[in-house]
């Protein structure tokens, strides 16, 4: 198996007749999925998603793919193929279209409706091409065929990309539920037909590659939800992804059966479910869905609230309910259902929300204590089955952390893909398909781009490090006034601590040391304010470390008069 090397340099020019594959997100992580294909000097992008921040990224709203490697080639982009409508596949599109609004978007009806609604908020009217399973479209030099796949959102598609260099199949996110709620199966017949033609490179979803067996059918959840709805005596609050149409349909069916009314909470949930209903993907009995403002007129036993926040996102509705920071107040006897899986890295945030809800008396139902969610990604048994159908000549696992990518590679090897034709890459690693063989040829920049409010890319790792220090250790400020000609202290040092756990009264012990260091510096002729700030920082920092074993941020201010 070939894999990236930390000393990889920029890739050479792509040889004539070769196909280049560059993942800019989604490898080594869950989310931020984006892959760039290049042939004949033209580019095709598959997906452009976001990654949601973790605890060590305080203040960050979203994490985008890094567009640096394609920024000077925006005119070469033929289009963006969107495999489905989840945020980790479409959330980055508005930020790319800000740089070139006329890049065509290609996707299924629901996927395009979801991204168009999102782009309205950014005041972008996109060029779109609606496709469906079985369609075949020429996109520049790329001949794209779309294949139905089953996932946790309707209208998901895989894409087969034909070029003179060979055929590449990108699965998107998929599983092989044999009893899907919408009766839309993963089209194994189409994959078998592509296999007969010859799949030169398969990019396959790795998210569940470590999980043995097969994913249970979505239909099994319906009975569990009926039992929960039947036993609940007060309000039912369901947290789900704002795009999980199938799960919301099951909630609506259970609510209708038990005589409850449903209200959607949160802008993205209201927007997406409205789109799904208007397009016919969500079947809503008349009178079932009501405005959240009307719920006060209903008894608790007839209320269902559907909101976001199943991953513990701090600003989502459920987290705010747990923190008593939402108009909906959790009371004793409420039932809360977390109808989603845990995205790796979100465990602590989710359990913090569960504990907060339980504290206020809620009965919390989640994947750990009831079967209220099944994954949308193929498990190991399904992947083995899939590889035996596709028989790819080269395999590149995508969409997963390192452990998922390696597990997926091993599954491919078990089904007969030669080890030297399995490529384990990471974000930015360039893979070239030349004369039927895929190999790593270099690496491009593919770091994290942070969105913080209206700022995109302005916050970097140094700023996050500072934020983490401030959050963990606090800050100590030192204010000193010096004579500009002699360098002697005329006022201060005045020291104040915030968030460090150190009382200001103790700084009398270190103040003489700072004065002594600055006076010695002035005698040596060092009176430049920046140098004096560095002396203050070192002196106070060493004292705090020796005395308290802490490393707060130290902010010295030297004013000349």
Protein backbone atom coordinates (compact mmCIF):
# COMPACT_ATOMS: atom_id res chain seq x y z
CA UNK A 1 0.00 0.00 0.00
CA UNK A 2 1.37 3.39 -0.90
CA UNK A 3 0.96 6.16 1.63
CA UNK A 4 2.00 9.81 2.09
CA UNK A 5 5.45 10.81 3.20
CA UNK A 6 5.95 13.89 5.38
CA UNK A 7 8.66 15.21 3.05
CA UNK A 8 6.57 15.12 -0.12
CA UNK A 9 7.16 18.15 -2.31
CA UNK A 10 4.95 19.85 -4.89
CA UNK A 11 3.79 17.48 -7.65
CA UNK A 12 5.33 17.69 -11.13
CA UNK A 13 3.26 18.76 -14.11
CA UNK A 14 0.60 16.21 -14.93
CA UNK A 15 1.73 14.09 -17.91
CA UNK A 16 -0.46 14.25 -21.00
CA UNK A 17 -3.18 11.62 -20.81
CA UNK A 18 -2.99 11.36 -16.99
CA UNK A 19 -5.73 12.01 -14.44
CA UNK A 20 -4.87 13.81 -11.19
CA UNK A 21 -6.86 13.36 -7.97
CA UNK A 22 -6.27 15.84 -5.13
CA UNK A 23 -8.29 15.51 -1.90
CA UNK A 24 -8.50 18.88 -0.14
CA UNK A 25 -10.58 17.57 2.76
CA UNK A 26 -12.19 14.47 4.20
CA UNK A 27 -9.08 12.27 4.55
CA UNK A 28 -7.85 11.85 8.11
CA UNK A 29 -11.02 13.53 9.42
CA UNK A 30 -14.81 13.19 9.43
CA UNK A 31 -16.07 16.13 7.38
CA UNK A 32 -14.77 18.88 5.07
CA UNK A 33 -15.08 16.52 2.10
CA UNK A 34 -13.66 17.90 -1.15
CA UNK A 35 -11.82 16.23 -4.05
CA UNK A 36 -10.39 17.91 -7.16
CA UNK A 37 -9.99 15.95 -10.41
CA UNK A 38 -7.76 17.27 -13.20
CA UNK A 39 -7.54 16.15 -16.80
CA UNK A 40 -6.24 18.07 -19.80
CA UNK A 41 -5.78 21.26 -17.80
CA UNK A 42 -9.41 21.30 -16.66
CA UNK A 43 -10.77 20.69 -13.14
CA UNK A 44 -13.84 18.96 -11.74
CA UNK A 45 -14.64 19.20 -8.02
CA UNK A 46 -16.63 16.58 -6.14
CA UNK A 47 -18.21 18.02 -2.96
CA UNK A 48 -17.12 21.05 -0.95
CA UNK A 49 -18.04 20.60 2.71
CA UNK A 50 -17.24 21.93 6.15
CA UNK A 51 -15.83 20.46 9.33
CA UNK A 52 -17.28 21.45 12.70
CA UNK A 53 -14.82 22.69 15.36
CA UNK A 54 -13.70 20.75 18.42
CA UNK A 55 -12.97 21.99 21.94
CA UNK A 56 -9.37 22.90 21.11
CA UNK A 57 -10.61 25.36 18.48
CA UNK A 58 -12.42 27.91 20.67
CA UNK A 59 -14.49 30.60 18.99
CA UNK A 60 -14.42 28.92 15.57
CA UNK A 61 -17.74 28.49 13.74
CA UNK A 62 -16.70 26.32 10.78
CA UNK A 63 -13.57 24.84 9.20
CA UNK A 64 -13.26 25.01 5.41
CA UNK A 65 -11.08 23.23 2.87
CA UNK A 66 -8.03 25.21 1.78
CA UNK A 67 -8.63 26.63 -1.71
CA UNK A 68 -5.02 27.83 -2.12
CA UNK A 69 -4.00 25.17 -4.66
CA UNK A 70 -6.91 26.03 -6.99
CA UNK A 71 -7.30 29.75 -6.29
CA UNK A 72 -5.35 30.80 -9.38
CA UNK A 73 -7.17 28.17 -11.47
CA UNK A 74 -10.80 29.07 -10.77
CA UNK A 75 -11.40 29.63 -14.50
CA UNK A 76 -10.34 26.02 -15.15
CA UNK A 77 -13.15 24.58 -12.98
CA UNK A 78 -15.85 22.95 -15.12
CA UNK A 79 -18.24 22.36 -12.21
CA UNK A 80 -18.82 21.11 -8.69
CA UNK A 81 -20.57 17.75 -8.37
CA UNK A 82 -22.46 17.50 -5.06
CA UNK A 83 -23.10 13.89 -4.04
CA UNK A 84 -25.73 14.76 -1.41
CA UNK A 85 -26.99 17.57 0.82
CA UNK A 86 -25.19 17.10 4.14
CA UNK A 87 -23.20 20.03 5.49
CA UNK A 88 -19.92 18.11 5.41
CA UNK A 89 -20.39 17.89 1.62
CA UNK A 90 -22.05 21.20 0.65
CA UNK A 91 -21.29 23.64 3.51
CA UNK A 92 -18.14 25.06 1.89
CA UNK A 93 -19.78 25.84 -1.47
CA UNK A 94 -20.82 29.43 -0.57
CA UNK A 95 -17.23 30.28 0.37
CA UNK A 96 -15.85 28.92 -2.92
CA UNK A 97 -18.55 30.67 -4.96
CA UNK A 98 -17.69 33.95 -3.24
CA UNK A 99 -14.44 33.74 -5.21
CA UNK A 100 -16.13 32.78 -8.50
CA UNK A 101 -19.95 32.80 -8.40
CA UNK A 102 -20.52 31.27 -11.85
CA UNK A 103 -19.01 27.82 -11.19
CA UNK A 104 -21.83 25.39 -12.12
CA UNK A 105 -23.28 23.20 -9.37
CA UNK A 106 -24.33 19.69 -10.38
CA UNK A 107 -26.52 17.53 -8.15
CA UNK A 108 -29.87 15.93 -7.49
CA UNK A 109 -33.11 17.86 -6.92
CA UNK A 110 -33.01 17.87 -3.11
CA UNK A 111 -29.27 18.52 -2.94
CA UNK A 112 -29.54 21.55 -5.21
CA UNK A 113 -32.58 22.87 -3.32
CA UNK A 114 -30.67 22.72 -0.03
CA UNK A 115 -27.58 24.47 -1.39
CA UNK A 116 -29.64 27.09 -3.24
CA UNK A 117 -31.41 27.99 0.02
CA UNK A 118 -28.05 28.28 1.74
CA UNK A 119 -26.64 30.44 -1.06
CA UNK A 120 -29.59 32.83 -0.78
CA UNK A 121 -28.27 33.83 2.64
CA UNK A 122 -24.97 34.68 0.95
CA UNK A 123 -26.81 36.55 -1.85
CA UNK A 124 -25.43 34.21 -4.51
CA UNK A 125 -27.60 32.89 -7.36
CA UNK A 126 -25.80 29.80 -8.65
CA UNK A 127 -25.75 28.15 -12.06
CA UNK A 128 -27.14 24.66 -11.52
CA UNK A 129 -27.55 21.43 -13.46
CA UNK A 130 -30.05 18.98 -11.94
CA UNK A 131 -29.23 15.32 -12.47
CA UNK A 132 -30.72 12.02 -11.33
CA UNK A 133 -29.57 8.43 -11.17
CA UNK A 134 -28.97 7.01 -14.63
CA UNK A 135 -28.15 10.41 -16.13
CA UNK A 136 -24.90 10.89 -18.01
CA UNK A 137 -23.55 14.41 -18.54
CA UNK A 138 -20.49 15.76 -20.33
CA UNK A 139 -18.73 18.29 -18.08
CA UNK A 140 -15.77 19.59 -20.07
CA UNK A 141 -13.46 16.59 -20.62
CA UNK A 142 -15.22 14.68 -17.82
CA UNK A 143 -18.00 12.26 -18.78
CA UNK A 144 -20.05 11.91 -15.57
CA UNK A 145 -22.58 9.15 -14.91
CA UNK A 146 -24.69 9.32 -11.77
CA UNK A 147 -25.64 6.25 -9.72
CA UNK A 148 -28.26 6.00 -6.95
CA UNK A 149 -26.86 5.23 -3.50
CA UNK A 150 -28.68 4.87 -0.21
CA UNK A 151 -27.65 7.21 2.63
CA UNK A 152 -29.22 9.01 5.59
CA UNK A 153 -30.58 11.72 3.29
CA UNK A 154 -32.69 11.28 0.14
CA UNK A 155 -31.34 11.70 -3.38
CA UNK A 156 -27.71 10.74 -2.67
CA UNK A 157 -25.60 9.92 -5.73
CA UNK A 158 -22.31 8.28 -6.56
CA UNK A 159 -20.52 9.52 -9.68
CA UNK A 160 -18.54 7.63 -12.31
CA UNK A 161 -16.10 9.97 -14.05
CA UNK A 162 -14.83 8.80 -17.43
CA UNK A 163 -11.77 10.35 -19.07
CA UNK A 164 -9.26 9.01 -21.60
CA UNK A 165 -7.04 8.20 -18.58
CA UNK A 166 -9.64 5.76 -17.26
CA UNK A 167 -12.82 5.60 -15.19
CA UNK A 168 -12.92 6.81 -11.60
CA UNK A 169 -15.91 6.00 -9.37
CA UNK A 170 -16.53 8.21 -6.32
CA UNK A 171 -19.11 6.65 -3.98
CA UNK A 172 -19.91 9.75 -1.92
CA UNK A 173 -21.41 8.62 1.40
CA UNK A 174 -23.37 5.40 1.03
CA UNK A 175 -24.68 2.24 2.62
CA UNK A 176 -26.65 -0.76 1.33
CA UNK A 177 -29.90 -0.73 3.32
CA UNK A 178 -32.09 -3.38 1.66
CA UNK A 179 -35.29 -1.93 3.13
CA UNK A 180 -34.85 1.85 2.80
CA UNK A 181 -37.70 4.08 3.89
CA UNK A 182 -37.95 5.67 0.44
CA UNK A 183 -37.46 2.32 -1.38
CA UNK A 184 -34.43 3.81 -3.15
CA UNK A 185 -31.73 1.15 -3.10
CA UNK A 186 -28.03 1.51 -3.78
CA UNK A 187 -27.95 0.52 -7.46
CA UNK A 188 -25.71 -2.54 -7.35
CA UNK A 189 -26.72 -3.41 -10.91
CA UNK A 190 -25.25 -0.11 -12.13
CA UNK A 191 -22.02 -0.70 -10.19
CA UNK A 192 -21.78 -4.20 -11.67
CA UNK A 193 -22.20 -2.73 -15.16
CA UNK A 194 -19.45 -0.19 -14.45
CA UNK A 195 -17.30 -3.05 -13.18
CA UNK A 196 -17.72 -4.90 -16.46
CA UNK A 197 -16.53 -1.76 -18.28
CA UNK A 198 -13.60 -1.52 -15.87
CA UNK A 199 -13.23 0.73 -12.80
CA UNK A 200 -9.68 2.04 -12.90
CA UNK A 201 -9.86 3.85 -9.55
CA UNK A 202 -12.49 3.59 -6.81
CA UNK A 203 -12.78 6.27 -4.13
CA UNK A 204 -14.82 4.61 -1.37
CA UNK A 205 -16.48 5.87 1.83
CA UNK A 206 -14.48 4.65 4.86
CA UNK A 207 -16.50 5.99 7.81
CA UNK A 208 -17.75 2.59 9.05
CA UNK A 209 -14.94 0.39 7.74
CA UNK A 210 -14.02 -0.69 11.29
CA UNK A 211 -17.58 -1.81 12.11
CA UNK A 212 -18.20 -5.50 11.33
CA UNK A 213 -21.27 -6.83 9.57
CA UNK A 214 -24.07 -4.84 7.96
CA UNK A 215 -25.86 -1.65 9.02
CA UNK A 216 -29.37 -2.46 10.33
CA UNK A 217 -32.32 -1.21 8.24
CA UNK A 218 -33.71 2.24 9.01
CA UNK A 219 -37.16 0.64 9.41
CA UNK A 220 -36.09 -0.98 12.71
CA UNK A 221 -36.01 2.44 14.34
CA UNK A 222 -39.71 3.08 13.76
CA UNK A 223 -40.81 0.49 16.34
CA UNK A 224 -38.41 1.89 18.95
CA UNK A 225 -39.73 5.41 18.38
CA UNK A 226 -43.32 4.19 18.71
CA UNK A 227 -42.46 2.64 22.09
CA UNK A 228 -40.78 5.85 23.29
CA UNK A 229 -43.73 7.98 22.11
CA UNK A 230 -46.18 5.56 23.71
CA UNK A 231 -44.52 5.73 27.13
CA UNK A 232 -43.77 9.49 27.21
CA UNK A 233 -46.18 11.45 29.39
CA UNK A 234 -44.92 15.01 28.80
CA UNK A 235 -43.16 16.80 25.96
CA UNK A 236 -40.92 14.96 23.52
CA UNK A 237 -37.89 16.84 22.21
CA UNK A 238 -35.98 15.26 19.32
CA UNK A 239 -32.51 16.40 18.27
CA UNK A 240 -31.38 15.47 14.78
CA UNK A 241 -29.30 16.72 11.91
CA UNK A 242 -31.22 19.40 10.06
CA UNK A 243 -30.93 17.38 6.84
CA UNK A 244 -31.90 13.91 8.12
CA UNK A 245 -35.20 13.76 6.25
CA UNK A 246 -35.73 10.03 6.83
CA UNK A 247 -35.41 10.32 10.59
CA UNK A 248 -37.71 13.33 10.72
CA UNK A 249 -40.27 11.38 8.68
CA UNK A 250 -40.21 8.63 11.29
CA UNK A 251 -40.69 11.22 14.05
CA UNK A 252 -43.65 12.74 12.19
CA UNK A 253 -45.23 9.30 11.69
CA UNK A 254 -44.85 8.43 15.38
CA UNK A 255 -46.25 11.82 16.46
CA UNK A 256 -49.25 11.47 14.15
CA UNK A 257 -49.94 7.96 15.46
CA UNK A 258 -49.92 9.17 19.09
CA UNK A 259 -51.96 12.35 18.58
CA UNK A 260 -49.13 14.84 19.05
CA UNK A 261 -48.32 18.06 17.20
CA UNK A 262 -44.82 18.81 15.90
CA UNK A 263 -42.91 22.09 15.81
CA UNK A 264 -39.51 22.61 14.21
CA UNK A 265 -37.02 24.69 16.21
CA UNK A 266 -34.00 26.39 14.67
CA UNK A 267 -33.54 28.21 11.37
CA UNK A 268 -31.77 25.38 9.51
CA UNK A 269 -34.30 22.78 10.68
CA UNK A 270 -37.30 24.94 9.65
CA UNK A 271 -35.70 25.76 6.29
CA UNK A 272 -34.60 22.24 5.34
CA UNK A 273 -37.81 20.51 6.39
CA UNK A 274 -39.82 23.12 4.48
CA UNK A 275 -37.78 22.35 1.36
CA UNK A 276 -38.16 18.58 1.84
CA UNK A 277 -41.92 18.96 2.30
CA UNK A 278 -42.34 21.22 -0.72
CA UNK A 279 -40.40 18.79 -2.95
CA UNK A 280 -42.35 15.78 -1.72
CA UNK A 281 -39.52 14.06 0.19
CA UNK A 282 -41.28 14.64 3.53
CA UNK A 283 -44.89 13.48 3.88
CA UNK A 284 -46.68 15.69 6.43
CA UNK A 285 -50.32 14.94 7.38
CA UNK A 286 -52.50 18.09 7.45
CA UNK A 287 -52.38 19.94 10.78
CA UNK A 288 -49.49 17.88 12.19
CA UNK A 289 -46.78 20.56 11.98
CA UNK A 290 -47.49 23.79 13.86
CA UNK A 291 -45.59 26.96 14.67
CA UNK A 292 -43.54 26.76 17.87
CA UNK A 293 -45.42 29.80 19.23
CA UNK A 294 -48.68 27.85 19.36
CA UNK A 295 -47.31 25.09 21.60
CA UNK A 296 -48.18 26.97 24.80
CA UNK A 297 -51.85 26.35 23.99
CA UNK A 298 -51.34 22.56 23.87
CA UNK A 299 -50.97 20.15 26.81
CA UNK A 300 -47.45 18.74 27.21
CA UNK A 301 -48.70 15.28 26.27
CA UNK A 302 -49.45 16.53 22.73
CA UNK A 303 -46.16 18.32 22.03
CA UNK A 304 -43.13 17.23 19.97
CA UNK A 305 -40.24 19.61 19.32
CA UNK A 306 -37.68 18.81 16.62
CA UNK A 307 -34.43 20.74 16.90
CA UNK A 308 -30.72 20.71 16.08
CA UNK A 309 -27.86 20.02 18.48
CA UNK A 310 -27.43 16.24 18.40
CA UNK A 311 -23.62 16.68 18.31
CA UNK A 312 -23.43 18.96 21.36
CA UNK A 313 -22.82 22.10 19.29
CA UNK A 314 -22.63 24.92 21.84
CA UNK A 315 -24.95 27.34 19.99
CA UNK A 316 -27.49 24.74 18.83
CA UNK A 317 -30.95 24.61 20.39
CA UNK A 318 -30.45 21.47 22.49
CA UNK A 319 -27.21 22.67 24.08
CA UNK A 320 -28.85 25.95 24.98
CA UNK A 321 -31.79 24.08 26.53
CA UNK A 322 -29.35 22.05 28.63
CA UNK A 323 -27.67 25.29 29.77
CA UNK A 324 -30.99 27.04 30.56
CA UNK A 325 -30.18 29.54 27.79
CA UNK A 326 -33.21 28.90 25.57
CA UNK A 327 -36.86 29.96 25.61
CA UNK A 328 -37.81 26.27 25.83
CA UNK A 329 -37.18 25.18 29.42
CA UNK A 330 -36.58 21.52 30.17
CA UNK A 331 -38.79 20.30 33.04
CA UNK A 332 -39.11 17.10 35.04
CA UNK A 333 -40.62 14.33 32.91
CA UNK A 334 -39.70 15.66 29.45
CA UNK A 335 -38.32 13.04 27.06
CA UNK A 336 -35.34 13.99 24.89
CA UNK A 337 -34.31 11.80 21.95
CA UNK A 338 -30.87 12.19 20.35
CA UNK A 339 -31.63 10.65 16.96
CA UNK A 340 -28.12 10.57 15.53
CA UNK A 341 -24.76 8.89 15.84
CA UNK A 342 -21.77 10.42 17.58
CA UNK A 343 -19.33 12.00 15.16
CA UNK A 344 -15.80 11.12 16.39
CA UNK A 345 -14.42 13.97 18.47
CA UNK A 346 -17.84 15.16 19.69
CA UNK A 347 -18.27 12.63 22.49
CA UNK A 348 -17.44 14.94 25.39
CA UNK A 349 -19.69 17.73 24.10
CA UNK A 350 -22.62 15.34 23.60
CA UNK A 351 -22.34 13.74 27.04
CA UNK A 352 -22.09 17.21 28.58
CA UNK A 353 -25.45 18.04 26.98
CA UNK A 354 -26.94 14.71 28.10
CA UNK A 355 -25.86 15.40 31.68
CA UNK A 356 -27.25 18.93 31.54
CA UNK A 357 -30.63 17.70 30.29
CA UNK A 358 -30.73 14.92 32.87
CA UNK A 359 -29.98 17.42 35.61
CA UNK A 360 -33.25 19.24 34.83
CA UNK A 361 -35.22 16.00 34.99
CA UNK A 362 -35.35 14.91 31.35
CA UNK A 363 -35.36 11.27 30.32
CA UNK A 364 -32.67 11.21 27.62
CA UNK A 365 -32.87 8.51 24.95
CA UNK A 366 -29.76 8.13 22.81
CA UNK A 367 -27.89 5.56 20.75
CA UNK A 368 -26.15 4.25 23.86
CA UNK A 369 -29.38 3.13 25.57
CA UNK A 370 -31.87 2.63 22.72
CA UNK A 371 -31.89 1.95 19.00
CA UNK A 372 -32.86 5.44 17.89
CA UNK A 373 -30.28 5.78 15.12
CA UNK A 374 -28.55 3.66 12.51
CA UNK A 375 -25.54 4.82 10.55
CA UNK A 376 -25.71 6.15 7.02
CA UNK A 377 -22.38 4.56 6.08
CA UNK A 378 -21.57 1.05 4.87
CA UNK A 379 -20.03 -1.30 7.43
CA UNK A 380 -17.26 -3.79 6.71
CA UNK A 381 -19.60 -6.51 5.43
CA UNK A 382 -21.23 -4.14 2.96
CA UNK A 383 -17.86 -2.81 1.78
CA UNK A 384 -16.58 -6.35 1.12
CA UNK A 385 -19.73 -7.09 -0.84
CA UNK A 386 -19.35 -3.81 -2.73
CA UNK A 387 -15.68 -4.42 -3.64
CA UNK A 388 -16.48 -7.88 -4.94
CA UNK A 389 -19.05 -6.29 -7.25
CA UNK A 390 -16.87 -3.36 -8.37
CA UNK A 391 -13.52 -5.20 -8.67
CA UNK A 392 -11.54 -1.94 -8.90
CA UNK A 393 -8.05 -1.97 -10.41
CA UNK A 394 -6.95 0.71 -7.90
CA UNK A 395 -8.51 1.69 -4.57
CA UNK A 396 -8.30 4.96 -2.63
CA UNK A 397 -10.18 5.01 0.70
CA UNK A 398 -11.77 8.42 1.43
CA UNK A 399 -14.03 10.03 4.03
CA UNK A 400 -12.65 8.97 7.41
CA UNK A 401 -10.00 9.27 10.06
CA UNK A 402 -6.73 7.39 9.65
CA UNK A 403 -8.06 4.29 11.40
CA UNK A 404 -11.04 4.20 9.03
CA UNK A 405 -8.88 4.67 5.93
CA UNK A 406 -6.53 1.85 6.90
CA UNK A 407 -9.40 -0.50 7.81
CA UNK A 408 -11.00 0.22 4.44
CA UNK A 409 -7.72 -0.45 2.65
CA UNK A 410 -7.44 -3.83 4.37
CA UNK A 411 -10.96 -4.74 3.24
CA UNK A 412 -10.01 -3.90 -0.33
CA UNK A 413 -6.90 -6.07 -0.06
CA UNK A 414 -8.99 -8.99 1.24
CA UNK A 415 -11.14 -8.84 -1.89
CA UNK A 416 -8.12 -9.02 -4.18
CA UNK A 417 -7.03 -5.45 -4.86
CA UNK A 418 -3.21 -5.67 -5.05
CA UNK A 419 -1.45 -3.93 -2.16
CA UNK A 420 0.62 -1.80 -4.54
CA UNK A 421 -2.62 -0.47 -6.07
CA UNK A 422 -4.18 0.70 -2.79
CA UNK A 423 -3.42 4.34 -2.08
CA UNK A 424 -3.81 5.69 1.45
CA UNK A 425 -3.54 9.44 1.13
CA UNK A 426 -4.29 12.43 3.31
CA UNK A 427 -5.55 15.93 2.62
CA UNK A 428 -3.37 17.63 0.02
CA UNK A 429 -1.63 14.45 -1.17
CA UNK A 430 -1.78 14.29 -4.97
CA UNK A 431 -2.58 10.96 -6.62
CA UNK A 432 -2.04 10.48 -10.37
CA UNK A 433 -3.71 7.78 -12.45
CA UNK A 434 -1.29 7.13 -15.32
CA UNK A 435 -1.42 4.12 -17.64
CA UNK A 436 -3.88 2.37 -15.36
CA UNK A 437 -1.93 2.69 -12.09
CA UNK A 438 -2.59 5.14 -9.23
CA UNK A 439 0.40 6.50 -7.36
CA UNK A 440 1.26 9.43 -5.10
CA UNK A 441 3.15 12.19 -6.94
CA UNK A 442 3.39 15.06 -4.46
CA UNK A 443 1.55 17.27 -2.02
CA UNK A 444 -0.18 20.67 -2.11
CA UNK A 445 -1.26 22.99 0.70
CA UNK A 446 -4.44 21.72 2.35
CA UNK A 447 -4.56 23.13 5.87
CA UNK A 448 -7.54 24.23 7.93
CA UNK A 449 -9.23 27.50 7.02
CA UNK A 450 -11.18 28.83 10.01
CA UNK A 451 -14.43 30.77 9.84
CA UNK A 452 -14.90 33.02 12.87
CA UNK A 453 -18.00 35.19 12.51
CA UNK A 454 -17.55 37.18 9.29
CA UNK A 455 -13.82 36.43 9.23
CA UNK A 456 -12.64 33.70 6.85
CA UNK A 457 -9.04 32.56 7.10
CA UNK A 458 -7.90 35.45 9.32
CA UNK A 459 -7.69 33.27 12.43
CA UNK A 460 -4.76 30.84 12.33
CA UNK A 461 -3.12 28.32 14.61
CA UNK A 462 -1.19 31.00 16.61
CA UNK A 463 -4.47 32.78 17.45
CA UNK A 464 -6.09 29.49 18.49
CA UNK A 465 -3.09 28.71 20.67
CA UNK A 466 -3.49 32.11 22.34
CA UNK A 467 -7.22 31.49 22.86
CA UNK A 468 -6.51 28.12 24.43
CA UNK A 469 -3.91 29.62 26.78
CA UNK A 470 -6.36 32.34 27.76
CA UNK A 471 -9.07 29.76 28.40
CA UNK A 472 -6.85 27.35 30.31
CA UNK A 473 -4.45 29.67 32.16
CA UNK A 474 -5.87 33.21 32.05
CA UNK A 475 -3.99 36.45 31.50
CA UNK A 476 -1.74 38.73 33.58
CA UNK A 477 -1.27 42.32 32.43
CA UNK A 478 1.64 44.53 33.51
CA UNK A 479 1.58 48.30 33.04
CA UNK A 480 4.78 50.37 33.32
CA UNK A 481 5.50 54.04 32.49
CA UNK A 482 9.13 54.97 31.70
CA UNK A 483 11.02 58.19 31.01
CA UNK A 484 11.75 58.20 27.26
CA UNK A 485 15.18 59.77 27.66
CA UNK A 486 16.56 57.90 30.69
CA UNK A 487 14.53 54.68 30.64
CA UNK A 488 13.78 55.06 34.35
CA UNK A 489 10.41 53.95 35.73
CA UNK A 490 8.07 56.85 36.52
CA UNK A 491 4.97 54.75 37.34
CA UNK A 492 4.31 51.07 38.01
CA UNK A 493 4.74 48.25 37.58
CA UNK A 494 0.97 47.71 38.07
CA UNK A 495 -0.03 44.04 37.72
CA UNK A 496 -3.52 42.60 37.27
CA UNK A 497 -4.59 38.97 36.75
CA UNK A 498 -7.76 37.69 35.08
CA UNK A 499 -8.79 34.05 34.93
CA UNK A 500 -5.46 32.80 36.26
CA UNK A 501 -6.60 31.97 39.78
CA UNK A 502 -3.85 34.22 41.19
CA UNK A 503 -4.88 37.02 43.54
CA UNK A 504 -3.52 40.47 42.66
CA UNK A 505 -2.27 40.94 46.24
CA UNK A 506 0.59 38.44 45.79
CA UNK A 507 2.27 40.42 43.03
CA UNK A 508 3.97 42.65 45.60
CA UNK A 509 6.57 39.89 45.84
CA UNK A 510 7.58 40.05 42.16
CA UNK A 511 7.14 43.80 41.52
CA UNK A 512 10.60 44.71 42.92
CA UNK A 513 12.19 42.07 40.67
CA UNK A 514 10.59 43.60 37.58
CA UNK A 515 11.70 47.12 38.65
CA UNK A 516 15.24 45.87 39.24
CA UNK A 517 15.45 44.19 35.83
CA UNK A 518 14.16 47.29 34.06
CA UNK A 519 16.53 49.62 35.94
CA UNK A 520 19.50 47.39 35.06
CA UNK A 521 18.33 47.42 31.45
CA UNK A 522 18.19 51.23 31.45
CA UNK A 523 21.73 51.41 32.87
CA UNK A 524 22.90 49.19 30.00
CA UNK A 525 21.28 51.56 27.52
CA UNK A 526 18.38 49.23 26.59
CA UNK A 527 15.35 51.52 26.67
CA UNK A 528 13.43 50.35 23.56
CA UNK A 529 9.85 49.52 24.72
CA UNK A 530 9.60 46.17 22.90
CA UNK A 531 12.81 44.89 24.49
CA UNK A 532 11.62 46.04 27.91
CA UNK A 533 8.31 44.22 27.37
CA UNK A 534 10.24 41.02 26.66
CA UNK A 535 12.21 41.46 29.90
CA UNK A 536 8.96 41.91 31.87
CA UNK A 537 7.42 38.85 30.20
CA UNK A 538 10.41 36.62 31.03
CA UNK A 539 10.78 37.83 34.61
CA UNK A 540 7.11 37.59 35.55
CA UNK A 541 6.61 34.37 33.58
CA UNK A 542 9.43 32.62 35.42
CA UNK A 543 8.13 33.78 38.81
CA UNK A 544 4.57 32.58 38.08
CA UNK A 545 5.86 29.24 36.78
CA UNK A 546 8.16 28.67 39.77
CA UNK A 547 5.58 29.79 42.33
CA UNK A 548 2.31 28.42 40.91
CA UNK A 549 3.31 25.97 38.15
CA UNK A 550 1.12 27.91 35.74
CA UNK A 551 1.74 29.46 32.33
CA UNK A 552 -0.81 32.30 31.82
CA UNK A 553 -0.56 34.71 28.93
CA UNK A 554 1.48 37.70 30.06
CA UNK A 555 0.69 41.03 28.43
CA UNK A 556 3.24 43.75 29.28
CA UNK A 557 2.51 47.36 28.30
CA UNK A 558 5.38 49.89 28.38
CA UNK A 559 4.43 53.55 27.86
CA UNK A 560 7.05 56.23 27.22
CA UNK A 561 6.56 59.79 28.55
